Amino acid sequence: MKLFSEKVRIVLSALMLILLAFWLSGAIELYTLLSITVFLVMGLLSLSLAFIWGYGGILCFGQAAFFGLGAYTYAICAINWGDSTWAVVMAVLLPTLFSLLLGYVIFYGGVSDVYLGAITLAVSLVLFNWVNSTSGSEYHIGEALLGGFNGIPSVPTLNMPFQPDAILSPEAIFMVTAGALALCYALLKFVLLSRFGKTVVAIRENEQRAGLLGYNVPAHKLVTFAIGAAIAGLAGCLYVNWGAFVSPGVFSISQSAQIIIWVIVGGRGTLIGPVISCVLLQWMVTRLGAQQTVDVNLVLGVILAVFVLLIPGGILPTVQRLWRRKRPNTLPATRTSVSEVKP
């Protein structure tokens, strides 16, 4: 009964987000709507790392690699095919396959967490430098010129499935983005309620004990890694549709660093916390970007230092803990451990 009520709550939360997006699409001006769209896209990206790091215990410094692969894959496929339908599928599929290949080498090769972060960061740097060096006319895939540091402009945006002439309006793309965020959030919550999700959390708590109990630790980590990559690829696809443009900046170190900051500030071990912190920080960066007095990167660095040193749990877990203190009769929530998962 408790599990059923939890599933109902997840579905209702996703529907409320979609209804809110539907209301906003007709209640606010276009410029604000476009700003909120990119905030939600980045929220989807933060959701991908919130899952693999917060619940899977996999600290990926190169989440921007999957984000960028999804963005470039969509741009190239949409330009060559003239239809966004299969381009969206490829934008999710290619980062997923790449993560399976990379993750297989990492997890089945026994690479430790420290080296995992270094490898994923190196992958992002390799992709960033490679795409930056493709500015000549000889660097093209079909009709799509890679453009080097100039990027790929005039990318065809989303259309109705298999109807290339039915281009979606900015309001419709906003609805699609909000729907994708709500759907991914709901799916991840359902995954965490499943046996697989509980096993993943148990592995995060005590990887050695989970292995001794007979669980295939590398396989669970690999699937978790691939799920995060698929969501990041979808975010990259939607990011291209927001501006009809993609550049090597999607692979940059600053992009990877921002994702980690969003998760730290929002709170590891939650899904909605990093999304909220992402939207708030993106709004702050946008406002600070309009002035020349304060350096935005300096502000983000100070925020990161404050949360690491003073509020290591993040915004949402800290608020939840303070709320529980005001309700002494309420038992504190416990984290899933290996003993709670039956082989």
Protein backbone atom coordinates (compact mmCIF):
# COMPACT_ATOMS: atom_id res chain seq x y z
CA MET A 1 0.00 0.00 0.00
CA LYS A 2 2.82 2.39 0.84
CA LEU A 3 4.56 1.59 -2.46
CA PHE A 4 1.33 2.23 -4.39
CA SER A 5 0.78 5.60 -2.72
CA GLU A 6 4.38 6.56 -3.50
CA LYS A 7 3.84 5.74 -7.18
CA VAL A 8 0.63 7.77 -7.23
CA ARG A 9 2.46 10.72 -5.68
CA ILE A 10 5.17 10.51 -8.35
CA VAL A 11 2.61 10.50 -11.17
CA LEU A 12 0.70 13.42 -9.65
CA SER A 13 3.93 15.42 -9.23
CA ALA A 14 4.83 14.89 -12.89
CA LEU A 15 1.32 15.87 -14.02
CA MET A 16 1.43 19.01 -11.88
CA LEU A 17 4.70 20.07 -13.53
CA ILE A 18 3.21 19.52 -16.99
CA LEU A 19 0.06 21.47 -16.11
CA LEU A 20 2.19 24.30 -14.71
CA ALA A 21 4.21 24.36 -17.93
CA PHE A 22 1.01 24.46 -19.99
CA TRP A 23 -0.21 27.45 -18.00
CA LEU A 24 3.13 29.25 -18.25
CA SER A 25 3.32 28.75 -22.02
CA GLY A 26 0.35 31.06 -22.48
CA ALA A 27 0.79 33.39 -19.51
CA ILE A 28 4.28 34.84 -19.96
CA GLU A 29 6.10 36.70 -22.71
CA LEU A 30 8.27 34.91 -25.28
CA TYR A 31 11.66 36.11 -23.95
CA THR A 32 10.90 34.84 -20.44
CA LEU A 33 9.57 31.59 -21.87
CA LEU A 34 12.80 31.01 -23.78
CA SER A 35 14.83 31.69 -20.63
CA ILE A 36 12.78 29.20 -18.62
CA THR A 37 13.17 26.65 -21.42
CA VAL A 38 16.96 26.64 -21.19
CA PHE A 39 16.72 26.51 -17.39
CA LEU A 40 14.62 23.35 -17.67
CA VAL A 41 17.05 21.86 -20.21
CA MET A 42 19.90 22.34 -17.77
CA GLY A 43 17.67 20.99 -15.01
CA LEU A 44 17.31 17.81 -17.05
CA LEU A 45 21.09 17.66 -17.37
CA SER A 46 21.51 18.06 -13.61
CA LEU A 47 18.96 15.27 -13.11
CA SER A 48 21.22 12.88 -15.02
CA LEU A 49 24.17 13.44 -12.67
CA ALA A 50 21.88 13.53 -9.62
CA PHE A 51 20.92 9.94 -10.43
CA ILE A 52 24.30 8.42 -11.23
CA TRP A 53 26.22 10.28 -8.50
CA GLY A 54 23.60 10.78 -5.81
CA TYR A 55 22.15 7.27 -6.00
CA GLY A 56 24.72 5.25 -7.92
CA GLY A 57 27.75 6.73 -6.18
CA ILE A 58 29.44 7.30 -9.56
CA LEU A 59 31.16 10.69 -9.63
CA CYS A 60 31.35 11.51 -13.34
CA PHE A 61 33.38 14.63 -14.11
CA GLY A 62 32.56 14.29 -17.80
CA GLN A 63 28.78 14.38 -17.89
CA ALA A 64 29.19 17.20 -20.42
CA ALA A 65 30.61 14.61 -22.85
CA PHE A 66 27.24 12.87 -23.14
CA PHE A 67 25.46 16.22 -23.21
CA GLY A 68 27.64 17.38 -26.09
CA LEU A 69 27.36 14.09 -27.97
CA GLY A 70 23.58 14.33 -27.82
CA ALA A 71 23.69 17.93 -29.04
CA TYR A 72 26.03 17.30 -31.97
CA THR A 73 24.32 14.04 -32.92
CA TYR A 74 20.96 15.78 -33.15
CA ALA A 75 22.38 18.70 -35.14
CA ILE A 76 24.14 16.45 -37.67
CA CYS A 77 21.20 14.07 -38.10
CA ALA A 78 18.61 16.86 -38.35
CA ILE A 79 20.64 18.69 -41.03
CA ASN A 80 21.17 15.53 -43.08
CA TRP A 81 17.71 14.02 -42.71
CA GLY A 82 15.60 17.17 -42.52
CA ASP A 83 13.36 15.49 -39.95
CA SER A 84 13.84 15.69 -36.20
CA THR A 85 12.05 12.42 -35.41
CA TRP A 86 14.95 10.02 -35.84
CA ALA A 87 17.44 12.75 -34.97
CA VAL A 88 16.02 12.81 -31.42
CA VAL A 89 16.28 9.02 -31.20
CA MET A 90 19.91 9.09 -32.33
CA ALA A 91 20.70 11.95 -29.91
CA VAL A 92 19.70 9.65 -27.04
CA LEU A 93 21.00 6.39 -28.52
CA LEU A 94 24.57 7.44 -29.40
CA PRO A 95 25.52 8.82 -25.93
CA THR A 96 23.97 5.70 -24.40
CA LEU A 97 26.04 3.36 -26.57
CA PHE A 98 29.18 5.42 -25.96
CA SER A 99 28.57 5.28 -22.19
CA LEU A 100 28.13 1.50 -22.35
CA LEU A 101 31.46 1.15 -24.13
CA LEU A 102 33.26 3.57 -21.79
CA GLY A 103 31.54 2.18 -18.71
CA TYR A 104 32.40 -1.40 -19.62
CA VAL A 105 36.09 -0.52 -19.72
CA ILE A 106 35.84 1.40 -16.43
CA PHE A 107 33.63 -0.82 -14.29
CA TYR A 108 34.70 -4.25 -15.54
CA GLY A 109 38.31 -3.05 -15.58
CA GLY A 110 38.18 -2.35 -11.85
CA VAL A 111 38.93 1.36 -12.20
CA SER A 112 38.58 3.13 -8.84
CA ASP A 113 36.39 6.18 -8.24
CA VAL A 114 39.28 8.65 -8.36
CA TYR A 115 40.49 7.42 -11.74
CA LEU A 116 36.90 7.21 -12.99
CA GLY A 117 36.54 10.96 -12.51
CA ALA A 118 39.85 11.58 -14.27
CA ILE A 119 38.94 9.35 -17.22
CA THR A 120 35.52 10.91 -17.76
CA LEU A 121 37.01 14.40 -17.53
CA ALA A 122 39.68 13.43 -20.04
CA VAL A 123 37.02 12.17 -22.45
CA SER A 124 35.26 15.54 -22.31
CA LEU A 125 38.55 17.36 -22.94
CA VAL A 126 39.39 15.12 -25.91
CA LEU A 127 35.98 15.73 -27.48
CA PHE A 128 36.22 19.47 -26.79
CA ASN A 129 39.63 19.80 -28.42
CA TRP A 130 38.74 17.56 -31.33
CA VAL A 131 35.55 19.43 -32.22
CA ASN A 132 37.39 22.73 -31.86
CA SER A 133 39.87 21.61 -34.52
CA THR A 134 37.25 20.86 -37.20
CA SER A 135 36.92 24.35 -38.67
CA GLY A 136 37.88 23.45 -42.24
CA SER A 137 35.39 22.66 -45.00
CA GLU A 138 36.78 19.14 -45.16
CA TYR A 139 35.35 18.41 -41.72
CA HIS A 140 31.76 17.46 -42.41
CA ILE A 141 29.38 14.56 -41.91
CA GLY A 142 27.11 14.46 -44.92
CA GLU A 143 25.79 17.97 -45.43
CA ALA A 144 26.59 19.08 -41.88
CA LEU A 145 29.78 21.14 -41.52
CA LEU A 146 31.20 20.69 -38.01
CA GLY A 147 32.40 24.31 -37.99
CA GLY A 148 35.13 23.98 -35.38
CA PHE A 149 34.98 26.65 -32.68
CA ASN A 150 32.26 28.44 -34.66
CA GLY A 151 29.88 25.55 -34.12
CA ILE A 152 26.94 24.47 -36.25
CA PRO A 153 24.36 27.22 -36.90
CA SER A 154 20.84 27.05 -38.32
CA VAL A 155 20.05 23.60 -36.98
CA PRO A 156 16.50 22.47 -37.88
CA THR A 157 14.38 22.47 -34.73
CA LEU A 158 11.79 19.95 -33.61
CA ASN A 159 8.89 19.08 -35.85
CA MET A 160 5.87 16.87 -35.41
CA PRO A 161 6.86 13.19 -35.69
CA PHE A 162 7.54 12.31 -39.35
CA GLN A 163 6.17 15.69 -40.49
CA PRO A 164 9.23 17.85 -41.38
CA ASP A 165 7.07 20.79 -42.46
CA ALA A 166 5.21 20.97 -39.13
CA ILE A 167 7.84 22.89 -37.14
CA LEU A 168 7.10 23.31 -33.44
CA SER A 169 6.74 26.82 -32.04
CA PRO A 170 8.89 28.06 -29.10
CA GLU A 171 5.86 27.54 -26.86
CA ALA A 172 5.56 23.94 -28.03
CA ILE A 173 9.28 23.31 -27.53
CA PHE A 174 8.91 24.66 -24.00
CA MET A 175 6.09 22.18 -23.39
CA VAL A 176 8.20 19.33 -24.82
CA THR A 177 11.12 20.29 -22.56
CA ALA A 178 8.93 20.47 -19.46
CA GLY A 179 7.30 17.17 -20.39
CA ALA A 180 10.71 15.52 -20.88
CA LEU A 181 11.86 16.75 -17.47
CA ALA A 182 8.69 15.53 -15.76
CA LEU A 183 8.82 12.17 -17.56
CA CYS A 184 12.50 11.55 -16.77
CA TYR A 185 11.97 12.52 -13.14
CA ALA A 186 9.03 10.12 -12.83
CA LEU A 187 10.89 7.29 -14.57
CA LEU A 188 13.92 7.68 -12.31
CA LYS A 189 11.70 7.66 -9.23
CA PHE A 190 10.09 4.44 -10.45
CA VAL A 191 13.54 2.96 -11.10
CA LEU A 192 14.59 3.81 -7.54
CA LEU A 193 11.46 2.11 -6.18
CA SER A 194 12.26 -1.06 -8.13
CA ARG A 195 14.52 -3.92 -7.05
CA PHE A 196 17.20 -2.65 -9.42
CA GLY A 197 17.10 0.83 -7.89
CA LYS A 198 17.32 -0.48 -4.35
CA THR A 199 20.28 -2.62 -5.35
CA VAL A 200 22.03 0.37 -6.90
CA VAL A 201 21.61 2.36 -3.69
CA ALA A 202 22.82 -0.62 -1.66
CA ILE A 203 25.95 -0.80 -3.82
CA ARG A 204 26.54 2.89 -3.18
CA GLU A 205 26.33 2.25 0.56
CA ASN A 206 28.66 -0.74 0.64
CA GLU A 207 29.98 -1.98 -2.68
CA GLN A 208 32.10 -4.77 -1.21
CA ARG A 209 29.27 -6.19 0.87
CA ALA A 210 26.89 -6.09 -2.11
CA GLY A 211 29.40 -8.05 -4.16
CA LEU A 212 29.83 -10.64 -1.42
CA LEU A 213 26.06 -11.08 -1.32
CA GLY A 214 26.12 -12.10 -4.97
CA TYR A 215 25.10 -8.92 -6.78
CA ASN A 216 26.79 -8.09 -10.08
CA VAL A 217 28.22 -4.72 -9.06
CA PRO A 218 29.83 -3.77 -12.42
CA ALA A 219 26.63 -4.56 -14.33
CA HIS A 220 24.47 -2.41 -12.03
CA LYS A 221 26.94 0.45 -12.25
CA LEU A 222 27.10 0.15 -16.02
CA VAL A 223 23.31 0.34 -16.42
CA THR A 224 23.15 3.29 -14.00
CA PHE A 225 25.90 5.05 -15.96
CA ALA A 226 24.04 4.44 -19.25
CA ILE A 227 20.73 5.77 -17.89
CA GLY A 228 22.45 8.99 -16.84
CA ALA A 229 24.11 9.29 -20.26
CA ALA A 230 20.79 8.81 -22.07
CA ILE A 231 19.17 11.63 -20.07
CA ALA A 232 22.19 13.88 -20.65
CA GLY A 233 21.97 13.14 -24.39
CA LEU A 234 18.29 14.09 -24.39
CA ALA A 235 19.18 17.33 -22.61
CA GLY A 236 21.78 18.05 -25.30
CA CYS A 237 19.20 17.48 -28.00
CA LEU A 238 16.76 19.90 -26.38
CA TYR A 239 19.54 22.44 -25.84
CA VAL A 240 20.20 22.58 -29.58
CA ASN A 241 16.50 23.08 -30.23
CA TRP A 242 16.43 25.99 -27.80
CA GLY A 243 18.88 28.08 -29.85
CA ALA A 244 19.09 26.18 -33.18
CA PHE A 245 22.86 26.22 -32.62
CA VAL A 246 25.58 24.09 -31.05
CA SER A 247 29.26 24.81 -30.39
CA PRO A 248 32.18 22.97 -28.72
CA GLY A 249 31.34 24.80 -25.49
CA VAL A 250 28.94 21.98 -24.65
CA PHE A 251 32.02 19.78 -23.98
CA SER A 252 33.90 22.38 -21.93
CA ILE A 253 35.29 21.95 -18.40
CA SER A 254 33.14 24.83 -17.19
CA GLN A 255 30.04 22.97 -18.34
CA SER A 256 31.09 19.83 -16.45
CA ALA A 257 31.91 21.89 -13.36
CA GLN A 258 28.52 23.60 -13.37
CA ILE A 259 26.71 20.28 -13.36
CA ILE A 260 28.65 19.14 -10.30
CA ILE A 261 27.94 22.45 -8.55
CA TRP A 262 24.20 22.06 -9.22
CA VAL A 263 24.18 18.61 -7.61
CA ILE A 264 26.28 19.66 -4.61
CA VAL A 265 24.15 22.75 -3.93
CA GLY A 266 20.85 20.94 -4.48
CA GLY A 267 21.85 17.93 -2.43
CA ARG A 268 23.13 14.48 -3.28
CA GLY A 269 20.67 11.68 -2.71
CA THR A 270 17.76 13.68 -4.11
CA LEU A 271 16.48 14.15 -7.65
CA ILE A 272 14.49 17.36 -7.35
CA GLY A 273 17.13 19.19 -5.27
CA PRO A 274 19.72 19.50 -8.09
CA VAL A 275 16.99 20.56 -10.52
CA ILE A 276 15.88 23.36 -8.19
CA SER A 277 19.45 24.51 -7.55
CA CYS A 278 20.17 24.41 -11.29
CA VAL A 279 17.23 26.67 -12.10
CA LEU A 280 18.08 29.09 -9.27
CA LEU A 281 21.78 29.27 -10.15
CA GLN A 282 21.07 29.66 -13.86
CA TRP A 283 18.69 32.51 -13.08
CA MET A 284 21.36 34.11 -10.87
CA VAL A 285 24.03 33.72 -13.58
CA THR A 286 21.70 35.31 -16.12
CA ARG A 287 21.07 38.30 -13.88
CA LEU A 288 24.75 38.71 -12.99
CA GLY A 289 25.70 38.42 -16.65
CA ALA A 290 23.91 41.70 -17.34
CA GLN A 291 26.46 43.65 -15.27
CA GLN A 292 30.24 44.01 -15.34
CA THR A 293 30.95 44.55 -11.64
CA VAL A 294 31.00 41.00 -10.26
CA ASP A 295 32.61 38.01 -11.96
CA VAL A 296 30.09 35.19 -12.36
CA ASN A 297 32.67 32.41 -12.01
CA LEU A 298 33.90 33.95 -8.76
CA VAL A 299 30.38 33.95 -7.36
CA LEU A 300 29.87 30.31 -8.34
CA GLY A 301 33.19 29.42 -6.72
CA VAL A 302 32.17 31.11 -3.47
CA ILE A 303 28.80 29.33 -3.51
CA LEU A 304 30.53 25.97 -4.03
CA ALA A 305 32.98 26.62 -1.18
CA VAL A 306 30.17 27.65 1.18
CA PHE A 307 28.14 24.54 0.50
CA VAL A 308 31.10 22.17 0.66
CA LEU A 309 32.33 23.62 3.96
CA LEU A 310 29.16 24.75 5.73
CA ILE A 311 26.20 22.98 4.10
CA PRO A 312 27.66 19.72 2.73
CA GLY A 313 24.25 18.08 2.56
CA GLY A 314 22.87 20.60 0.06
CA ILE A 315 19.71 22.69 0.11
CA LEU A 316 16.96 20.08 0.04
CA PRO A 317 18.40 17.55 2.53
CA THR A 318 19.20 20.42 4.94
CA VAL A 319 15.67 21.79 4.70
CA GLN A 320 14.24 18.30 5.23
CA ARG A 321 16.45 17.77 8.28
CA LEU A 322 15.41 21.09 9.82
CA TRP A 323 11.76 20.26 9.14
CA ARG A 324 12.09 16.91 10.91
CA ARG A 325 13.61 18.61 13.94
CA LYS A 326 10.45 20.67 14.27
CA ARG A 327 8.42 17.43 14.23
CA PRO A 328 10.04 15.27 16.93
CA ASN A 329 7.41 12.58 16.64
CA THR A 330 8.30 11.92 13.04
CA LEU A 331 10.92 9.22 12.55
CA PRO A 332 13.81 10.32 10.32
CA ALA A 333 13.96 8.79 6.89
CA THR A 334 16.52 6.02 6.53
CA ARG A 335 18.70 5.33 3.53
CA THR A 336 18.44 2.05 1.71
CA SER A 337 21.14 -0.37 2.77
CA VAL A 338 22.34 -3.69 1.41
CA SER A 339 20.40 -5.59 4.06
CA GLU A 340 17.13 -4.20 2.72
CA VAL A 341 17.65 -5.80 -0.69
CA LYS A 342 16.97 -9.50 -0.95
CA PRO A 343 19.01 -11.51 -3.45
